[in-house]
């Protein structure tokens, strides 16, 4: 079953390779979607794919790459966009 979740990662998460590492993790998990920095200092992730893999992405995003310091992770249901890859998007 394909599911989608929208994650908003708070803390020291920009300038630490978070987007790059998110793309690597998403590809490892076989997920589709995107990641982008937001002007408020957060990182936004849209992940869709197998429910277990999306849950693994949620777990990973709760701590992120080694140089990140995740203070809070907001999780919302997402809308399946039918994307066929995982990419970095321009800041929002």
PDB file of N, CA and C in Angstrom:
ATOM      1  N   UNK A   1       0.835  -1.182   0.000  1.00  0.00           N
ATOM      2  CA  UNK A   1       0.000   0.000   0.000  1.00  0.00           C
ATOM      3  C   UNK A   1       0.883   1.251   0.000  1.00  0.00           C
ATOM      4  N   UNK A   2       0.621   2.147  -0.907  1.00  0.00           N
ATOM      5  CA  UNK A   2       1.371   3.396  -0.997  1.00  0.00           C
ATOM      6  C   UNK A   2       0.741   4.437  -0.082  1.00  0.00           C
ATOM      7  N   UNK A   3       1.602   5.086   0.708  1.00  0.00           N
ATOM      8  CA  UNK A   3       1.162   6.161   1.595  1.00  0.00           C
ATOM      9  C   UNK A   3       2.070   7.360   1.369  1.00  0.00           C
ATOM     10  N   UNK A   4       1.636   8.508   1.871  1.00  0.00           N
ATOM     11  CA  UNK A   4       2.452   9.723   1.791  1.00  0.00           C
ATOM     12  C   UNK A   4       2.392  10.438   3.127  1.00  0.00           C
ATOM     13  N   UNK A   5       3.542  10.997   3.509  1.00  0.00           N
ATOM     14  CA  UNK A   5       3.605  11.810   4.723  1.00  0.00           C
ATOM     15  C   UNK A   5       4.412  13.058   4.440  1.00  0.00           C
ATOM     16  N   UNK A   6       4.015  14.137   5.115  1.00  0.00           N
ATOM     17  CA  UNK A   6       4.718  15.411   5.026  1.00  0.00           C
ATOM     18  C   UNK A   6       5.386  15.638   6.378  1.00  0.00           C
ATOM     19  N   UNK A   7       6.690  15.834   6.365  1.00  0.00           N
ATOM     20  CA  UNK A   7       7.461  16.020   7.586  1.00  0.00           C
ATOM     21  C   UNK A   7       8.030  17.433   7.614  1.00  0.00           C
ATOM     22  N   UNK A   8       8.014  18.036   8.774  1.00  0.00           N
ATOM     23  CA  UNK A   8       8.619  19.341   8.970  1.00  0.00           C
ATOM     24  C   UNK A   8       9.618  19.194  10.114  1.00  0.00           C
ATOM     25  N   UNK A   9      10.900  19.356   9.785  1.00  0.00           N
ATOM     26  CA  UNK A   9      11.979  19.096  10.726  1.00  0.00           C
ATOM     27  C   UNK A   9      12.486  20.420  11.280  1.00  0.00           C
ATOM     28  N   UNK A  10      12.443  20.564  12.601  1.00  0.00           N
ATOM     29  CA  UNK A  10      12.868  21.779  13.304  1.00  0.00           C
ATOM     30  C   UNK A  10      14.197  21.528  14.010  1.00  0.00           C
ATOM     31  N   UNK A  11      14.967  22.585  14.189  1.00  0.00           N
ATOM     32  CA  UNK A  11      16.227  22.501  14.916  1.00  0.00           C
ATOM     33  C   UNK A  11      17.365  23.029  14.065  1.00  0.00           C
ATOM     34  N   UNK A  12      18.568  22.563  14.359  1.00  0.00           N
ATOM     35  CA  UNK A  12      19.731  22.941  13.547  1.00  0.00           C
ATOM     36  C   UNK A  12      19.801  21.937  12.406  1.00  0.00           C
ATOM     37  N   UNK A  13      19.060  22.241  11.322  1.00  0.00           N
ATOM     38  CA  UNK A  13      18.887  21.267  10.236  1.00  0.00           C
ATOM     39  C   UNK A  13      19.252  21.826   8.858  1.00  0.00           C
ATOM     40  N   UNK A  14      19.633  23.078   8.793  1.00  0.00           N
ATOM     41  CA  UNK A  14      20.097  23.642   7.520  1.00  0.00           C
ATOM     42  C   UNK A  14      21.599  23.878   7.609  1.00  0.00           C
ATOM     43  N   UNK A  15      22.283  23.660   6.490  1.00  0.00           N
ATOM     44  CA  UNK A  15      23.726  23.847   6.456  1.00  0.00           C
ATOM     45  C   UNK A  15      24.501  22.677   7.036  1.00  0.00           C
ATOM     46  N   UNK A  16      23.829  21.530   7.199  1.00  0.00           N
ATOM     47  CA  UNK A  16      24.477  20.347   7.779  1.00  0.00           C
ATOM     48  C   UNK A  16      24.361  19.130   6.860  1.00  0.00           C
ATOM     49  N   UNK A  17      23.964  19.347   5.604  1.00  0.00           N
ATOM     50  CA  UNK A  17      23.821  18.236   4.657  1.00  0.00           C
ATOM     51  C   UNK A  17      22.530  17.464   4.804  1.00  0.00           C
ATOM     52  N   UNK A  18      21.522  18.062   5.445  1.00  0.00           N
ATOM     53  CA  UNK A  18      20.265  17.355   5.705  1.00  0.00           C
ATOM     54  C   UNK A  18      19.561  16.959   4.409  1.00  0.00           C
ATOM     55  N   UNK A  19      19.474  17.876   3.457  1.00  0.00           N
ATOM     56  CA  UNK A  19      18.760  17.563   2.207  1.00  0.00           C
ATOM     57  C   UNK A  19      19.474  16.456   1.438  1.00  0.00           C
ATOM     58  N   UNK A  20      20.780  16.559   1.321  1.00  0.00           N
ATOM     59  CA  UNK A  20      21.553  15.537   0.607  1.00  0.00           C
ATOM     60  C   UNK A  20      21.381  14.173   1.271  1.00  0.00           C
ATOM     61  N   UNK A  21      21.522  14.140   2.590  1.00  0.00           N
ATOM     62  CA  UNK A  21      21.385  12.876   3.321  1.00  0.00           C
ATOM     63  C   UNK A  21      19.965  12.325   3.216  1.00  0.00           C
ATOM     64  N   UNK A  22      18.968  13.202   3.187  1.00  0.00           N
ATOM     65  CA  UNK A  22      17.579  12.760   3.038  1.00  0.00           C
ATOM     66  C   UNK A  22      17.384  12.075   1.691  1.00  0.00           C
ATOM     67  N   UNK A  23      17.957  12.636   0.644  1.00  0.00           N
ATOM     68  CA  UNK A  23      17.856  12.014  -0.683  1.00  0.00           C
ATOM     69  C   UNK A  23      18.495  10.625  -0.691  1.00  0.00           C
ATOM     70  N   UNK A  24      19.653  10.508  -0.079  1.00  0.00           N
ATOM     71  CA  UNK A  24      20.315   9.196  -0.016  1.00  0.00           C
ATOM     72  C   UNK A  24      19.464   8.183   0.750  1.00  0.00           C
ATOM     73  N   UNK A  25      18.916   8.615   1.881  1.00  0.00           N
ATOM     74  CA  UNK A  25      18.091   7.717   2.692  1.00  0.00           C
ATOM     75  C   UNK A  25      16.814   7.335   1.946  1.00  0.00           C
ATOM     76  N   UNK A  26      16.185   8.281   1.282  1.00  0.00           N
ATOM     77  CA  UNK A  26      14.963   7.993   0.530  1.00  0.00           C
ATOM     78  C   UNK A  26      15.240   6.992  -0.588  1.00  0.00           C
ATOM     79  N   UNK A  27      16.338   7.177  -1.280  1.00  0.00           N
ATOM     80  CA  UNK A  27      16.688   6.247  -2.363  1.00  0.00           C
ATOM     81  C   UNK A  27      16.983   4.865  -1.802  1.00  0.00           C
ATOM     82  N   UNK A  28      17.664   4.800  -0.646  1.00  0.00           N
ATOM     83  CA  UNK A  28      17.937   3.515  -0.003  1.00  0.00           C
ATOM     84  C   UNK A  28      16.631   2.795   0.355  1.00  0.00           C
ATOM     85  N   UNK A  29      15.641   3.564   0.786  1.00  0.00           N
ATOM     86  CA  UNK A  29      14.359   3.002   1.199  1.00  0.00           C
ATOM     87  C   UNK A  29      13.392   2.778   0.034  1.00  0.00           C
ATOM     88  N   UNK A  30      13.744   3.256  -1.156  1.00  0.00           N
ATOM     89  CA  UNK A  30      12.870   3.113  -2.316  1.00  0.00           C
ATOM     90  C   UNK A  30      11.687   4.061  -2.299  1.00  0.00           C
ATOM     91  N   UNK A  31      11.879   5.240  -1.720  1.00  0.00           N
ATOM     92  CA  UNK A  31      10.797   6.216  -1.615  1.00  0.00           C
ATOM     93  C   UNK A  31      10.849   7.231  -2.750  1.00  0.00           C
ATOM     94  N   UNK A  32       9.727   7.888  -2.953  1.00  0.00           N
ATOM     95  CA  UNK A  32       9.591   8.961  -3.930  1.00  0.00           C
ATOM     96  C   UNK A  32       9.201  10.227  -3.180  1.00  0.00           C
ATOM     97  N   UNK A  33       9.488  11.375  -3.779  1.00  0.00           N
ATOM     98  CA  UNK A  33       9.089  12.627  -3.153  1.00  0.00           C
ATOM     99  C   UNK A  33      10.145  13.691  -3.310  1.00  0.00           C
ATOM    100  N   UNK A  34      10.275  14.534  -2.275  1.00  0.00           N
ATOM    101  CA  UNK A  34      11.201  15.654  -2.347  1.00  0.00           C
ATOM    102  C   UNK A  34      11.530  16.168  -0.953  1.00  0.00           C
ATOM    103  N   UNK A  35      12.586  16.981  -0.908  1.00  0.00           N
ATOM    104  CA  UNK A  35      13.007  17.643   0.315  1.00  0.00           C
ATOM    105  C   UNK A  35      13.414  19.063  -0.047  1.00  0.00           C
ATOM    106  N   UNK A  36      13.140  20.017   0.853  1.00  0.00           N
ATOM    107  CA  UNK A  36      13.549  21.402   0.599  1.00  0.00           C
ATOM    108  C   UNK A  36      13.736  22.147   1.920  1.00  0.00           C
ATOM    109  N   UNK A  37      14.628  23.135   1.872  1.00  0.00           N
ATOM    110  CA  UNK A  37      14.763  24.071   2.985  1.00  0.00           C
ATOM    111  C   UNK A  37      13.601  25.051   2.927  1.00  0.00           C
ATOM    112  N   UNK A  38      13.187  25.487   4.103  1.00  0.00           N
ATOM    113  CA  UNK A  38      12.178  26.537   4.173  1.00  0.00           C
ATOM    114  C   UNK A  38      12.818  27.788   4.758  1.00  0.00           C
ATOM    115  N   UNK A  39      12.276  28.928   4.410  1.00  0.00           N
ATOM    116  CA  UNK A  39      12.858  30.202   4.842  1.00  0.00           C
ATOM    117  C   UNK A  39      12.809  30.388   6.359  1.00  0.00           C
ATOM    118  N   UNK A  40      11.978  29.612   7.042  1.00  0.00           N
ATOM    119  CA  UNK A  40      11.901  29.739   8.504  1.00  0.00           C
ATOM    120  C   UNK A  40      12.957  28.892   9.218  1.00  0.00           C
ATOM    121  N   UNK A  41      13.863  28.245   8.468  1.00  0.00           N
ATOM    122  CA  UNK A  41      14.944  27.461   9.059  1.00  0.00           C
ATOM    123  C   UNK A  41      14.647  25.987   9.214  1.00  0.00           C
ATOM    124  N   UNK A  42      13.460  25.563   8.820  1.00  0.00           N
ATOM    125  CA  UNK A  42      13.104  24.155   8.896  1.00  0.00           C
ATOM    126  C   UNK A  42      13.427  23.461   7.572  1.00  0.00           C
ATOM    127  N   UNK A  43      13.341  22.142   7.596  1.00  0.00           N
ATOM    128  CA  UNK A  43      13.450  21.334   6.387  1.00  0.00           C
ATOM    129  C   UNK A  43      12.123  20.599   6.220  1.00  0.00           C
ATOM    130  N   UNK A  44      11.575  20.640   5.011  1.00  0.00           N
ATOM    131  CA  UNK A  44      10.307  19.988   4.697  1.00  0.00           C
ATOM    132  C   UNK A  44      10.575  18.780   3.814  1.00  0.00           C
ATOM    133  N   UNK A  45       9.946  17.657   4.167  1.00  0.00           N
ATOM    134  CA  UNK A  45      10.110  16.409   3.418  1.00  0.00           C
ATOM    135  C   UNK A  45       8.737  15.896   3.020  1.00  0.00           C
ATOM    136  N   UNK A  46       8.601  15.549   1.748  1.00  0.00           N
ATOM    137  CA  UNK A  46       7.409  14.843   1.270  1.00  0.00           C
ATOM    138  C   UNK A  46       7.899  13.461   0.852  1.00  0.00           C
ATOM    139  N   UNK A  47       7.415  12.431   1.552  1.00  0.00           N
ATOM    140  CA  UNK A  47       7.842  11.061   1.261  1.00  0.00           C
ATOM    141  C   UNK A  47       6.627  10.209   0.939  1.00  0.00           C
ATOM    142  N   UNK A  48       6.723   9.451  -0.143  1.00  0.00           N
ATOM    143  CA  UNK A  48       5.643   8.524  -0.487  1.00  0.00           C
ATOM    144  C   UNK A  48       6.224   7.204  -0.961  1.00  0.00           C
ATOM    145  N   UNK A  49       5.479   6.151  -0.659  1.00  0.00           N
ATOM    146  CA  UNK A  49       5.913   4.813  -1.023  1.00  0.00           C
ATOM    147  C   UNK A  49       5.304   3.795  -0.074  1.00  0.00           C
ATOM    148  N   UNK A  50       5.968   2.663   0.055  1.00  0.00           N
ATOM    149  CA  UNK A  50       5.537   1.597   0.951  1.00  0.00           C
ATOM    150  C   UNK A  50       5.417   2.139   2.380  1.00  0.00           C
ATOM    151  N   UNK A  51       4.343   1.780   3.077  1.00  0.00           N
ATOM    152  CA  UNK A  51       4.080   2.313   4.417  1.00  0.00           C
ATOM    153  C   UNK A  51       5.244   2.064   5.378  1.00  0.00           C
ATOM    154  N   UNK A  52       5.829   0.876   5.356  1.00  0.00           N
ATOM    155  CA  UNK A  52       6.947   0.577   6.253  1.00  0.00           C
ATOM    156  C   UNK A  52       8.155   1.445   5.937  1.00  0.00           C
ATOM    157  N   UNK A  53       8.425   1.664   4.657  1.00  0.00           N
ATOM    158  CA  UNK A  53       9.562   2.490   4.259  1.00  0.00           C
ATOM    159  C   UNK A  53       9.334   3.942   4.656  1.00  0.00           C
ATOM    160  N   UNK A  54       8.114   4.431   4.512  1.00  0.00           N
ATOM    161  CA  UNK A  54       7.807   5.810   4.924  1.00  0.00           C
ATOM    162  C   UNK A  54       8.001   5.942   6.433  1.00  0.00           C
ATOM    163  N   UNK A  55       7.567   4.937   7.188  1.00  0.00           N
ATOM    164  CA  UNK A  55       7.774   4.970   8.638  1.00  0.00           C
ATOM    165  C   UNK A  55       9.262   4.971   8.990  1.00  0.00           C
ATOM    166  N   UNK A  56      10.066   4.247   8.221  1.00  0.00           N
ATOM    167  CA  UNK A  56      11.517   4.262   8.444  1.00  0.00           C
ATOM    168  C   UNK A  56      12.099   5.643   8.169  1.00  0.00           C
ATOM    169  N   UNK A  57      11.575   6.325   7.154  1.00  0.00           N
ATOM    170  CA  UNK A  57      12.023   7.693   6.872  1.00  0.00           C
ATOM    171  C   UNK A  57      11.662   8.619   8.033  1.00  0.00           C
ATOM    172  N   UNK A  58      10.472   8.452   8.594  1.00  0.00           N
ATOM    173  CA  UNK A  58      10.063   9.256   9.750  1.00  0.00           C
ATOM    174  C   UNK A  58      11.049   9.038  10.900  1.00  0.00           C
ATOM    175  N   UNK A  59      11.386   7.779  11.168  1.00  0.00           N
ATOM    176  CA  UNK A  59      12.344   7.477  12.235  1.00  0.00           C
ATOM    177  C   UNK A  59      13.687   8.135  11.956  1.00  0.00           C
ATOM    178  N   UNK A  60      14.163   8.030  10.711  1.00  0.00           N
ATOM    179  CA  UNK A  60      15.444   8.625  10.349  1.00  0.00           C
ATOM    180  C   UNK A  60      15.408  10.144  10.500  1.00  0.00           C
ATOM    181  N   UNK A  61      14.336  10.772  10.026  1.00  0.00           N
ATOM    182  CA  UNK A  61      14.222  12.234  10.071  1.00  0.00           C
ATOM    183  C   UNK A  61      14.172  12.762  11.503  1.00  0.00           C
ATOM    184  N   UNK A  62      13.818  11.927  12.456  1.00  0.00           N
ATOM    185  CA  UNK A  62      13.755  12.370  13.848  1.00  0.00           C
ATOM    186  C   UNK A  62      15.139  12.679  14.422  1.00  0.00           C
ATOM    187  N   UNK A  63      16.199  12.222  13.732  1.00  0.00           N
ATOM    188  CA  UNK A  63      17.554  12.570  14.157  1.00  0.00           C
ATOM    189  C   UNK A  63      18.399  13.106  12.995  1.00  0.00           C
ATOM    190  N   UNK A  64      18.126  12.685  11.756  1.00  0.00           N
ATOM    191  CA  UNK A  64      18.829  13.194  10.579  1.00  0.00           C
ATOM    192  C   UNK A  64      20.278  12.765  10.514  1.00  0.00           C
ATOM    193  N   UNK A  65      21.065  13.461   9.688  1.00  0.00           N
ATOM    194  CA  UNK A  65      22.482  13.132   9.534  1.00  0.00           C
ATOM    195  C   UNK A  65      23.274  13.526  10.781  1.00  0.00           C
ATOM    196  N   UNK A  66      24.528  13.074  10.874  1.00  0.00           N
ATOM    197  CA  UNK A  66      25.324  13.285  12.091  1.00  0.00           C
ATOM    198  C   UNK A  66      25.447  14.732  12.569  1.00  0.00           C
ATOM    199  N   UNK A  67      25.553  15.707  11.686  1.00  0.00           N
ATOM    200  CA  UNK A  67      25.748  17.094  12.114  1.00  0.00           C
ATOM    201  C   UNK A  67      24.454  17.831  12.433  1.00  0.00           C
ATOM    202  N   UNK A  68      23.319  17.187  12.226  1.00  0.00           N
ATOM    203  CA  UNK A  68      22.030  17.825  12.510  1.00  0.00           C
ATOM    204  C   UNK A  68      21.703  17.716  14.000  1.00  0.00           C
ATOM    205  N   UNK A  69      20.856  18.621  14.439  1.00  0.00           N
ATOM    206  CA  UNK A  69      20.329  18.577  15.798  1.00  0.00           C
ATOM    207  C   UNK A  69      18.826  18.817  15.689  1.00  0.00           C
ATOM    208  N   UNK A  70      18.071  17.726  15.578  1.00  0.00           N
ATOM    209  CA  UNK A  70      16.619  17.819  15.398  1.00  0.00           C
ATOM    210  C   UNK A  70      15.968  18.086  16.758  1.00  0.00           C
ATOM    211  N   UNK A  71      15.250  19.199  16.831  1.00  0.00           N
ATOM    212  CA  UNK A  71      14.560  19.573  18.062  1.00  0.00           C
ATOM    213  C   UNK A  71      13.121  19.054  18.079  1.00  0.00           C
ATOM    214  N   UNK A  72      12.511  19.001  16.900  1.00  0.00           N
ATOM    215  CA  UNK A  72      11.108  18.571  16.810  1.00  0.00           C
ATOM    216  C   UNK A  72      10.818  18.113  15.393  1.00  0.00           C
ATOM    217  N   UNK A  73       9.949  17.137  15.275  1.00  0.00           N
ATOM    218  CA  UNK A  73       9.518  16.634  13.970  1.00  0.00           C
ATOM    219  C   UNK A  73       7.998  16.648  13.925  1.00  0.00           C
ATOM    220  N   UNK A  74       7.439  17.456  13.034  1.00  0.00           N
ATOM    221  CA  UNK A  74       5.989  17.496  12.836  1.00  0.00           C
ATOM    222  C   UNK A  74       5.654  16.558  11.684  1.00  0.00           C
ATOM    223  N   UNK A  75       4.644  15.722  11.883  1.00  0.00           N
ATOM    224  CA  UNK A  75       4.262  14.716  10.888  1.00  0.00           C
ATOM    225  C   UNK A  75       2.790  14.909  10.543  1.00  0.00           C
ATOM    226  N   UNK A  76       2.521  14.998   9.237  1.00  0.00           N
ATOM    227  CA  UNK A  76       1.144  15.115   8.759  1.00  0.00           C
ATOM    228  C   UNK A  76       0.931  14.129   7.620  1.00  0.00           C
ATOM    229  N   UNK A  77      -0.307  13.681   7.430  1.00  0.00           N
ATOM    230  CA  UNK A  77      -0.584  12.865   6.244  1.00  0.00           C
ATOM    231  C   UNK A  77      -0.298  13.684   4.996  1.00  0.00           C
ATOM    232  N   UNK A  78       0.188  13.042   3.968  1.00  0.00           N
ATOM    233  CA  UNK A  78       0.450  13.717   2.709  1.00  0.00           C
ATOM    234  C   UNK A  78      -0.501  13.235   1.630  1.00  0.00           C
ATOM    235  N   UNK A  79      -0.496  13.938   0.530  1.00  0.00           N
ATOM    236  CA  UNK A  79      -1.279  13.558  -0.639  1.00  0.00           C
ATOM    237  C   UNK A  79      -0.328  12.905  -1.628  1.00  0.00           C
ATOM    238  N   UNK A  80      -0.680  11.751  -2.123  1.00  0.00           N
ATOM    239  CA  UNK A  80       0.172  11.059  -3.088  1.00  0.00           C
ATOM    240  C   UNK A  80       0.246  11.888  -4.359  1.00  0.00           C
ATOM    241  N   UNK A  81       1.471  12.272  -4.731  1.00  0.00           N
ATOM    242  CA  UNK A  81       1.691  13.129  -5.895  1.00  0.00           C
ATOM    243  C   UNK A  81       2.076  12.334  -7.134  1.00  0.00           C
ATOM    244  N   UNK A  82       2.333  11.041  -6.983  1.00  0.00           N
ATOM    245  CA  UNK A  82       2.690  10.214  -8.132  1.00  0.00           C
ATOM    246  C   UNK A  82       4.059  10.517  -8.698  1.00  0.00           C
ATOM    247  N   UNK A  83       4.966  10.963  -7.851  1.00  0.00           N
ATOM    248  CA  UNK A  83       6.326  11.294  -8.267  1.00  0.00           C
ATOM    249  C   UNK A  83       7.094   9.996  -8.501  1.00  0.00           C
ATOM    250  N   UNK A  84       8.042   9.997  -9.462  1.00  0.00           N
ATOM    251  CA  UNK A  84       8.773   8.763  -9.761  1.00  0.00           C
ATOM    252  C   UNK A  84      10.244   8.824  -9.381  1.00  0.00           C
ATOM    253  N   UNK A  85      10.619   9.799  -8.526  1.00  0.00           N
ATOM    254  CA  UNK A  85      11.999   9.924  -8.063  1.00  0.00           C
ATOM    255  C   UNK A  85      11.974  10.664  -6.727  1.00  0.00           C
ATOM    256  N   UNK A  86      13.127  10.862  -6.126  1.00  0.00           N
ATOM    257  CA  UNK A  86      13.232  11.678  -4.909  1.00  0.00           C
ATOM    258  C   UNK A  86      14.262  12.755  -5.186  1.00  0.00           C
ATOM    259  N   UNK A  87      13.881  14.021  -5.027  1.00  0.00           N
ATOM    260  CA  UNK A  87      14.754  15.128  -5.416  1.00  0.00           C
ATOM    261  C   UNK A  87      14.818  16.225  -4.345  1.00  0.00           C
ATOM    262  N   UNK A  88      15.834  17.068  -4.488  1.00  0.00           N
ATOM    263  CA  UNK A  88      15.907  18.298  -3.716  1.00  0.00           C
ATOM    264  C   UNK A  88      15.158  19.360  -4.484  1.00  0.00           C
ATOM    265  N   UNK A  89      14.341  20.123  -3.792  1.00  0.00           N
ATOM    266  CA  UNK A  89      13.628  21.239  -4.418  1.00  0.00           C
ATOM    267  C   UNK A  89      14.187  22.550  -3.918  1.00  0.00           C
ATOM    268  N   UNK A  90      13.898  23.609  -4.638  1.00  0.00           N
ATOM    269  CA  UNK A  90      14.324  24.941  -4.240  1.00  0.00           C
ATOM    270  C   UNK A  90      13.667  25.320  -2.921  1.00  0.00           C
ATOM    271  N   UNK A  91      14.303  26.186  -2.174  1.00  0.00           N
ATOM    272  CA  UNK A  91      13.771  26.642  -0.895  1.00  0.00           C
ATOM    273  C   UNK A  91      12.398  27.274  -1.057  1.00  0.00           C
ATOM    274  N   UNK A  92      11.625  27.170  -0.014  1.00  0.00           N
ATOM    275  CA  UNK A  92      10.273  27.706  -0.022  1.00  0.00           C
ATOM    276  C   UNK A  92      10.140  28.727   1.088  1.00  0.00           C
TER     277      UNK A  92
END
